[in-house]
Amino acid sequence: MNERESLIELCARLGAPAAQAGVMADQLLKRSTQLAAERGWPRERAMEHLLTVLIKGRNGETVPGFEGGQPPAGD
């Protein structure tokens, strides 16, 4: 099983429909490459970070830097 297939399986186990799991896997792969370039991290570290954000978000938790605040007021 390759990395993309593993990510698709993970996303599906987290509740994503099959078609959406593929899209999510592709986004994770692309963003991990971007983060690695932007932050000078190894690609594996970038993927670890993204998976942590994904899993914590799925569980209703936040990671440092994603605390947010009140959404902007509507017009």
N, C-alpha and C. Protein backbone atom coordinates (compact mmCIF):
# COMPACT_ATOMS: atom_id res chain seq x y z
N MET A 1 0.86 -1.17 0.00
CA MET A 1 0.00 0.00 0.00
C MET A 1 0.91 1.24 0.00
N ASN A 2 0.64 2.18 -0.89
CA ASN A 2 1.44 3.40 -0.94
C ASN A 2 0.89 4.46 0.02
N GLU A 3 1.61 5.58 0.09
CA GLU A 3 1.24 6.62 1.04
C GLU A 3 -0.17 7.17 0.78
N ARG A 4 -0.50 7.41 -0.46
CA ARG A 4 -1.82 7.94 -0.80
C ARG A 4 -2.91 6.97 -0.38
N GLU A 5 -2.72 5.70 -0.68
CA GLU A 5 -3.71 4.69 -0.31
C GLU A 5 -3.87 4.61 1.22
N SER A 6 -2.77 4.73 1.93
CA SER A 6 -2.83 4.72 3.40
C SER A 6 -3.61 5.91 3.92
N LEU A 7 -3.39 7.08 3.32
CA LEU A 7 -4.10 8.28 3.74
C LEU A 7 -5.59 8.18 3.41
N ILE A 8 -5.92 7.61 2.26
CA ILE A 8 -7.33 7.41 1.90
C ILE A 8 -8.00 6.51 2.93
N GLU A 9 -7.32 5.44 3.30
CA GLU A 9 -7.88 4.52 4.29
C GLU A 9 -8.07 5.22 5.64
N LEU A 10 -7.09 6.02 6.04
CA LEU A 10 -7.20 6.75 7.30
C LEU A 10 -8.38 7.72 7.28
N CYS A 11 -8.49 8.49 6.21
CA CYS A 11 -9.59 9.46 6.10
C CYS A 11 -10.94 8.76 6.11
N ALA A 12 -11.02 7.62 5.45
CA ALA A 12 -12.27 6.85 5.44
C ALA A 12 -12.60 6.35 6.85
N ARG A 13 -11.59 5.88 7.57
CA ARG A 13 -11.82 5.40 8.94
C ARG A 13 -12.26 6.55 9.85
N LEU A 14 -11.85 7.77 9.51
CA LEU A 14 -12.26 8.93 10.30
C LEU A 14 -13.64 9.43 9.91
N GLY A 15 -14.26 8.78 8.90
CA GLY A 15 -15.64 9.11 8.57
C GLY A 15 -15.87 9.77 7.23
N ALA A 16 -14.82 10.00 6.45
CA ALA A 16 -15.01 10.63 5.14
C ALA A 16 -15.58 9.62 4.14
N PRO A 17 -16.56 10.05 3.32
CA PRO A 17 -17.03 9.18 2.24
C PRO A 17 -15.87 8.86 1.29
N ALA A 18 -15.95 7.77 0.58
CA ALA A 18 -14.84 7.28 -0.26
C ALA A 18 -14.29 8.36 -1.20
N ALA A 19 -15.16 9.04 -1.93
CA ALA A 19 -14.69 10.06 -2.88
C ALA A 19 -14.00 11.20 -2.15
N GLN A 20 -14.55 11.61 -1.02
CA GLN A 20 -13.96 12.71 -0.26
C GLN A 20 -12.63 12.28 0.36
N ALA A 21 -12.51 11.02 0.76
CA ALA A 21 -11.26 10.53 1.34
C ALA A 21 -10.11 10.67 0.35
N GLY A 22 -10.37 10.42 -0.91
CA GLY A 22 -9.34 10.57 -1.94
C GLY A 22 -8.92 12.02 -2.10
N VAL A 23 -9.88 12.93 -2.08
CA VAL A 23 -9.58 14.36 -2.19
C VAL A 23 -8.77 14.81 -0.98
N MET A 24 -9.19 14.36 0.20
CA MET A 24 -8.48 14.73 1.42
C MET A 24 -7.03 14.22 1.39
N ALA A 25 -6.85 12.99 0.95
CA ALA A 25 -5.50 12.42 0.86
C ALA A 25 -4.63 13.25 -0.07
N ASP A 26 -5.17 13.64 -1.21
CA ASP A 26 -4.41 14.46 -2.16
C ASP A 26 -4.05 15.81 -1.54
N GLN A 27 -4.98 16.40 -0.80
CA GLN A 27 -4.71 17.68 -0.16
C GLN A 27 -3.63 17.55 0.91
N LEU A 28 -3.68 16.48 1.69
CA LEU A 28 -2.67 16.25 2.72
C LEU A 28 -1.29 16.09 2.09
N LEU A 29 -1.21 15.34 1.00
CA LEU A 29 0.07 15.14 0.32
C LEU A 29 0.62 16.46 -0.22
N LYS A 30 -0.25 17.24 -0.85
CA LYS A 30 0.19 18.52 -1.42
C LYS A 30 0.61 19.49 -0.32
N ARG A 31 -0.20 19.59 0.72
CA ARG A 31 0.10 20.56 1.79
C ARG A 31 1.35 20.16 2.58
N SER A 32 1.60 18.87 2.74
CA SER A 32 2.81 18.45 3.46
C SER A 32 4.05 18.85 2.68
N THR A 33 4.00 18.78 1.38
CA THR A 33 5.13 19.22 0.55
C THR A 33 5.31 20.73 0.68
N GLN A 34 4.20 21.47 0.67
CA GLN A 34 4.27 22.93 0.83
C GLN A 34 4.84 23.32 2.19
N LEU A 35 4.34 22.70 3.25
CA LEU A 35 4.83 23.01 4.60
C LEU A 35 6.31 22.69 4.74
N ALA A 36 6.73 21.59 4.19
CA ALA A 36 8.14 21.22 4.26
C ALA A 36 9.00 22.30 3.61
N ALA A 37 8.57 22.81 2.48
CA ALA A 37 9.32 23.87 1.79
C ALA A 37 9.26 25.18 2.56
N GLU A 38 8.08 25.55 3.05
CA GLU A 38 7.91 26.82 3.76
C GLU A 38 8.66 26.87 5.08
N ARG A 39 8.62 25.78 5.82
CA ARG A 39 9.17 25.79 7.19
C ARG A 39 10.51 25.09 7.31
N GLY A 40 10.99 24.52 6.23
CA GLY A 40 12.27 23.83 6.27
C GLY A 40 12.22 22.52 7.05
N TRP A 41 11.03 21.93 7.15
CA TRP A 41 10.85 20.66 7.84
C TRP A 41 11.06 19.51 6.88
N PRO A 42 11.44 18.36 7.40
CA PRO A 42 11.38 17.15 6.55
C PRO A 42 9.91 16.91 6.20
N ARG A 43 9.66 16.34 5.06
CA ARG A 43 8.28 16.12 4.62
C ARG A 43 7.51 15.25 5.61
N GLU A 44 8.19 14.30 6.22
CA GLU A 44 7.53 13.43 7.21
C GLU A 44 7.05 14.24 8.41
N ARG A 45 7.84 15.21 8.84
CA ARG A 45 7.45 16.08 9.97
C ARG A 45 6.22 16.90 9.60
N ALA A 46 6.20 17.40 8.37
CA ALA A 46 5.06 18.18 7.90
C ALA A 46 3.79 17.31 7.88
N MET A 47 3.92 16.07 7.41
CA MET A 47 2.75 15.18 7.37
C MET A 47 2.31 14.85 8.79
N GLU A 48 3.24 14.63 9.69
CA GLU A 48 2.90 14.36 11.09
C GLU A 48 2.09 15.52 11.68
N HIS A 49 2.53 16.74 11.40
CA HIS A 49 1.82 17.93 11.87
C HIS A 49 0.40 17.97 11.32
N LEU A 50 0.25 17.76 10.03
CA LEU A 50 -1.07 17.80 9.41
C LEU A 50 -2.00 16.71 9.96
N LEU A 51 -1.46 15.53 10.16
CA LEU A 51 -2.28 14.45 10.70
C LEU A 51 -2.69 14.73 12.14
N THR A 52 -1.81 15.37 12.90
CA THR A 52 -2.16 15.76 14.26
C THR A 52 -3.31 16.75 14.24
N VAL A 53 -3.22 17.76 13.36
CA VAL A 53 -4.29 18.75 13.24
C VAL A 53 -5.59 18.07 12.81
N LEU A 54 -5.51 17.16 11.85
CA LEU A 54 -6.69 16.45 11.35
C LEU A 54 -7.36 15.64 12.46
N ILE A 55 -6.59 14.86 13.17
CA ILE A 55 -7.15 13.98 14.19
C ILE A 55 -7.68 14.77 15.38
N LYS A 56 -6.93 15.77 15.82
CA LYS A 56 -7.41 16.60 16.93
C LYS A 56 -8.68 17.34 16.52
N GLY A 57 -8.70 17.87 15.32
CA GLY A 57 -9.90 18.55 14.83
C GLY A 57 -11.10 17.62 14.77
N ARG A 58 -10.87 16.41 14.34
CA ARG A 58 -11.94 15.40 14.28
C ARG A 58 -12.50 15.12 15.66
N ASN A 59 -11.62 15.23 16.67
CA ASN A 59 -12.02 14.98 18.06
C ASN A 59 -12.49 16.25 18.77
N GLY A 60 -12.59 17.36 18.05
CA GLY A 60 -13.07 18.61 18.63
C GLY A 60 -12.03 19.34 19.45
N GLU A 61 -10.77 18.99 19.28
CA GLU A 61 -9.67 19.64 19.99
C GLU A 61 -8.96 20.61 19.06
N THR A 62 -8.14 21.48 19.64
CA THR A 62 -7.31 22.37 18.83
C THR A 62 -5.85 22.14 19.15
N VAL A 63 -5.00 22.51 18.23
CA VAL A 63 -3.56 22.47 18.45
C VAL A 63 -3.08 23.90 18.61
N PRO A 64 -1.95 24.11 19.27
CA PRO A 64 -1.44 25.48 19.42
C PRO A 64 -1.37 26.19 18.07
N GLY A 65 -1.87 27.41 18.04
CA GLY A 65 -1.90 28.19 16.80
C GLY A 65 -3.23 28.13 16.08
N PHE A 66 -4.12 27.24 16.52
CA PHE A 66 -5.42 27.10 15.88
C PHE A 66 -6.55 27.42 16.84
N GLU A 67 -6.24 28.13 17.91
CA GLU A 67 -7.26 28.43 18.90
C GLU A 67 -8.36 29.31 18.35
N GLY A 68 -7.99 30.21 17.46
CA GLY A 68 -8.97 31.09 16.85
C GLY A 68 -9.59 32.04 17.85
N GLY A 69 -10.73 32.48 17.57
CA GLY A 69 -11.46 33.40 18.43
C GLY A 69 -12.85 33.54 17.87
N GLN A 70 -13.46 34.63 18.14
CA GLN A 70 -14.78 34.88 17.60
C GLN A 70 -14.68 35.08 16.08
N PRO A 71 -15.59 34.48 15.33
CA PRO A 71 -15.58 34.73 13.90
C PRO A 71 -15.92 36.20 13.63
N PRO A 72 -15.47 36.71 12.48
CA PRO A 72 -15.78 38.10 12.15
C PRO A 72 -17.28 38.32 12.08
N ALA A 73 -17.72 39.48 12.49
CA ALA A 73 -19.14 39.83 12.44
C ALA A 73 -19.59 39.96 10.98
N GLY A 74 -20.80 39.52 10.71
CA GLY A 74 -21.34 39.64 9.36
C GLY A 74 -21.73 41.08 9.05
N ASP A 75 -21.84 41.39 7.78
CA ASP A 75 -22.21 42.76 7.38
C ASP A 75 -23.65 43.04 7.60
